């Protein structure tokens, strides 16, 4: 998480989406062996970094809840999100989202989000919840337990073609 926050320049109140298969962490097929103990350990690590950096975290549910997201209610103050009526459980939401829902102070579930960055633990397919344009970030670690880890940050779209300028360069020599 610290690597993602640092390299993605994630600041206070920006959103990081987390997709996790606790089954994959244990070396099992996604959706078959969810484990609260795994979710608990991952949650602790994420929350420690969140406390340092102040970002919002969104935990993606599994496909049985259409990959909806568990977030704290206070995110609604800064982002135009639509709350949906569901409570994740291990078999419909997944162990990680369920654990997060139980730990949050004021949890809600939203159907979609446009996050600034994300971490995918166990190939849960978080891409639908990232802002355009997603840029892969190669973490120094590639696995948590037996699960593959992928990360992404986002950047604004580059528009305008060959005449467009994307960076302001200062060149004192050209001034006469």
Protein backbone atom coordinates (compact mmCIF):
# COMPACT_ATOMS: atom_id res chain seq x y z
CA UNK A 1 0.00 0.00 0.00
CA UNK A 2 2.78 2.44 0.81
CA UNK A 3 4.34 1.83 -2.59
CA UNK A 4 1.00 2.45 -4.32
CA UNK A 5 0.36 5.64 -2.33
CA UNK A 6 3.87 6.97 -2.92
CA UNK A 7 4.23 6.17 -6.62
CA UNK A 8 0.63 7.13 -7.37
CA UNK A 9 0.94 10.35 -5.38
CA UNK A 10 -2.29 9.47 -3.62
CA UNK A 11 -3.39 12.25 -1.34
CA UNK A 12 -6.00 12.84 1.28
CA UNK A 13 -9.55 11.99 0.21
CA UNK A 14 -8.47 10.33 -3.04
CA UNK A 15 -9.85 6.84 -3.62
CA UNK A 16 -8.03 3.52 -3.73
CA UNK A 17 -10.09 0.50 -4.74
CA UNK A 18 -9.07 -2.87 -3.33
CA UNK A 19 -10.17 -6.16 -4.85
CA UNK A 20 -9.19 -9.25 -2.89
CA UNK A 21 -9.73 -12.97 -3.20
CA UNK A 22 -8.85 -14.42 0.17
CA UNK A 23 -9.25 -17.85 -1.47
CA UNK A 24 -6.45 -17.03 -3.93
CA UNK A 25 -4.24 -15.79 -1.08
CA UNK A 26 -4.63 -19.27 0.42
CA UNK A 27 -3.78 -20.94 -2.90
CA UNK A 28 -7.35 -21.96 -3.72
CA UNK A 29 -9.55 -21.05 -6.67
CA UNK A 30 -11.23 -17.64 -6.39
CA UNK A 31 -14.59 -17.81 -4.61
CA UNK A 32 -14.09 -21.23 -3.03
CA UNK A 33 -12.35 -20.82 0.32
CA UNK A 34 -12.91 -17.33 1.66
CA UNK A 35 -11.18 -16.67 4.94
CA UNK A 36 -11.91 -13.94 7.48
CA UNK A 37 -8.47 -14.35 9.07
CA UNK A 38 -6.83 -13.44 5.74
CA UNK A 39 -9.22 -10.52 5.26
CA UNK A 40 -8.39 -9.30 8.76
CA UNK A 41 -4.64 -9.21 8.12
CA UNK A 42 -5.00 -7.44 4.77
CA UNK A 43 -7.44 -4.97 6.28
CA UNK A 44 -5.03 -4.11 9.12
CA UNK A 45 -2.24 -3.34 6.66
CA UNK A 46 -4.44 -1.17 4.45
CA UNK A 47 -5.91 0.74 7.39
CA UNK A 48 -2.45 1.48 8.81
CA UNK A 49 -1.39 3.16 5.56
CA UNK A 50 -4.77 4.88 5.21
CA UNK A 51 -4.30 6.39 8.67
CA UNK A 52 -0.95 7.86 7.52
CA UNK A 53 -2.18 9.17 4.17
CA UNK A 54 -5.87 9.96 4.57
CA UNK A 55 -7.13 8.35 1.36
CA UNK A 56 -10.54 6.75 1.00
CA UNK A 57 -10.61 3.00 0.56
CA UNK A 58 -13.26 1.10 -1.39
CA UNK A 59 -13.42 -2.68 -1.03
CA UNK A 60 -14.80 -4.41 -4.09
CA UNK A 61 -17.39 -7.13 -3.58
CA UNK A 62 -17.39 -10.32 -5.63
CA UNK A 63 -19.31 -10.92 -8.83
CA UNK A 64 -22.42 -12.08 -6.91
CA UNK A 65 -22.95 -8.45 -5.91
CA UNK A 66 -21.92 -7.21 -9.37
CA UNK A 67 -18.60 -6.01 -7.95
CA UNK A 68 -20.26 -3.28 -5.89
CA UNK A 69 -18.05 -1.53 -3.34
CA UNK A 70 -18.02 -1.13 0.43
CA UNK A 71 -17.09 2.39 1.51
CA UNK A 72 -17.46 4.64 4.55
CA UNK A 73 -20.52 6.89 4.37
CA UNK A 74 -18.43 10.08 4.62
CA UNK A 75 -17.14 9.52 1.07
CA UNK A 76 -20.55 10.73 -0.13
CA UNK A 77 -19.62 14.26 0.95
CA UNK A 78 -16.86 14.46 -1.66
CA UNK A 79 -18.06 12.19 -4.47
CA UNK A 80 -21.41 11.88 -6.20
CA UNK A 81 -22.06 8.21 -5.44
CA UNK A 82 -25.30 6.29 -5.33
CA UNK A 83 -25.83 4.04 -2.33
CA UNK A 84 -27.42 0.64 -2.99
CA UNK A 85 -29.27 -1.58 -0.55
CA UNK A 86 -27.30 -4.71 0.22
CA UNK A 87 -25.13 -6.09 3.00
CA UNK A 88 -22.23 -8.24 1.81
CA UNK A 89 -21.77 -11.70 3.28
CA UNK A 90 -19.03 -14.23 2.69
CA UNK A 91 -20.96 -16.07 -0.05
CA UNK A 92 -22.36 -12.92 -1.72
CA UNK A 93 -19.80 -10.17 -1.47
CA UNK A 94 -16.75 -12.11 -0.43
CA UNK A 95 -14.75 -12.34 2.78
CA UNK A 96 -12.77 -9.12 2.29
CA UNK A 97 -15.76 -6.87 1.54
CA UNK A 98 -17.76 -8.52 4.32
CA UNK A 99 -14.95 -8.00 6.82
CA UNK A 100 -14.55 -4.35 5.78
CA UNK A 101 -18.31 -3.79 6.10
CA UNK A 102 -18.20 -5.17 9.64
CA UNK A 103 -15.20 -3.02 10.61
CA UNK A 104 -16.23 0.34 9.12
CA UNK A 105 -17.83 2.95 11.38
CA UNK A 106 -20.64 3.79 8.95
CA UNK A 107 -20.47 1.37 6.00
CA UNK A 108 -22.48 1.69 2.84
CA UNK A 109 -22.35 -0.08 -0.50
CA UNK A 110 -22.15 1.77 -3.81
CA UNK A 111 -22.57 0.30 -7.25
CA UNK A 112 -19.64 2.04 -8.91
CA UNK A 113 -16.78 4.40 -8.27
CA UNK A 114 -13.98 6.06 -10.23
CA UNK A 115 -10.89 5.47 -8.11
CA UNK A 116 -7.53 7.18 -8.45
CA UNK A 117 -5.63 3.95 -7.94
CA UNK A 118 -6.20 0.32 -7.11
CA UNK A 119 -4.75 -2.93 -5.89
CA UNK A 120 -5.97 -6.27 -7.18
CA UNK A 121 -5.08 -9.25 -4.99
CA UNK A 122 -5.97 -12.52 -6.67
CA UNK A 123 -7.13 -11.27 -10.07
CA UNK A 124 -10.50 -9.89 -8.99
CA UNK A 125 -10.71 -7.46 -11.95
CA UNK A 126 -10.88 -3.98 -10.41
CA UNK A 127 -10.43 -2.10 -13.70
CA UNK A 128 -14.08 -1.14 -14.01
CA UNK A 129 -13.67 1.03 -10.91
CA UNK A 130 -10.61 3.03 -11.99
CA UNK A 131 -10.63 6.48 -13.53
CA UNK A 132 -9.41 6.78 -17.10
CA UNK A 133 -6.50 6.36 -17.91
CA UNK A 134 -5.20 3.39 -15.88
CA UNK A 135 -1.43 2.97 -15.79
CA UNK A 136 0.02 -0.35 -14.55
CA UNK A 137 2.28 -0.08 -11.55
CA UNK A 138 4.75 -2.91 -11.06
CA UNK A 139 5.01 -3.57 -7.33
CA UNK A 140 8.25 -4.80 -5.85
CA UNK A 141 6.27 -7.73 -4.47
CA UNK A 142 4.18 -9.78 -6.87
CA UNK A 143 2.26 -12.01 -4.45
CA UNK A 144 0.39 -11.94 -1.18
CA UNK A 145 0.31 -15.52 -0.05
CA UNK A 146 -0.38 -17.45 -3.25
CA UNK A 147 -2.38 -14.62 -4.90
CA UNK A 148 -0.93 -12.51 -7.69
CA UNK A 149 -0.89 -8.77 -7.02
CA UNK A 150 -1.48 -6.11 -9.66
CA UNK A 151 -1.68 -2.39 -9.08
CA UNK A 152 -2.62 0.61 -11.14
CA UNK A 153 -2.59 4.36 -10.83
CA UNK A 154 -4.48 6.73 -13.08
CA UNK A 155 -3.65 9.88 -15.01
CA UNK A 156 -5.70 12.39 -16.98
CA UNK A 157 -6.28 11.63 -20.66
CA UNK A 158 -3.72 13.08 -23.09
CA UNK A 159 -5.75 14.82 -25.78
CA UNK A 160 -5.00 17.08 -28.73
CA UNK A 161 -2.67 15.17 -31.02
CA UNK A 162 0.81 16.11 -32.22
CA UNK A 163 0.47 19.85 -31.57
CA UNK A 164 -0.68 19.42 -27.99
CA UNK A 165 1.57 20.30 -25.08
CA UNK A 166 1.53 18.05 -22.01
CA UNK A 167 4.27 19.60 -19.90
CA UNK A 168 5.37 23.18 -19.43
CA UNK A 169 9.10 23.42 -20.09
CA UNK A 170 11.05 26.43 -18.94
CA UNK A 171 13.85 27.46 -21.22
CA UNK A 172 15.59 30.70 -20.26
CA UNK A 173 17.85 30.55 -23.35
CA UNK A 174 15.02 31.31 -25.81
CA UNK A 175 14.21 34.71 -24.24
CA UNK A 176 15.78 37.68 -26.07
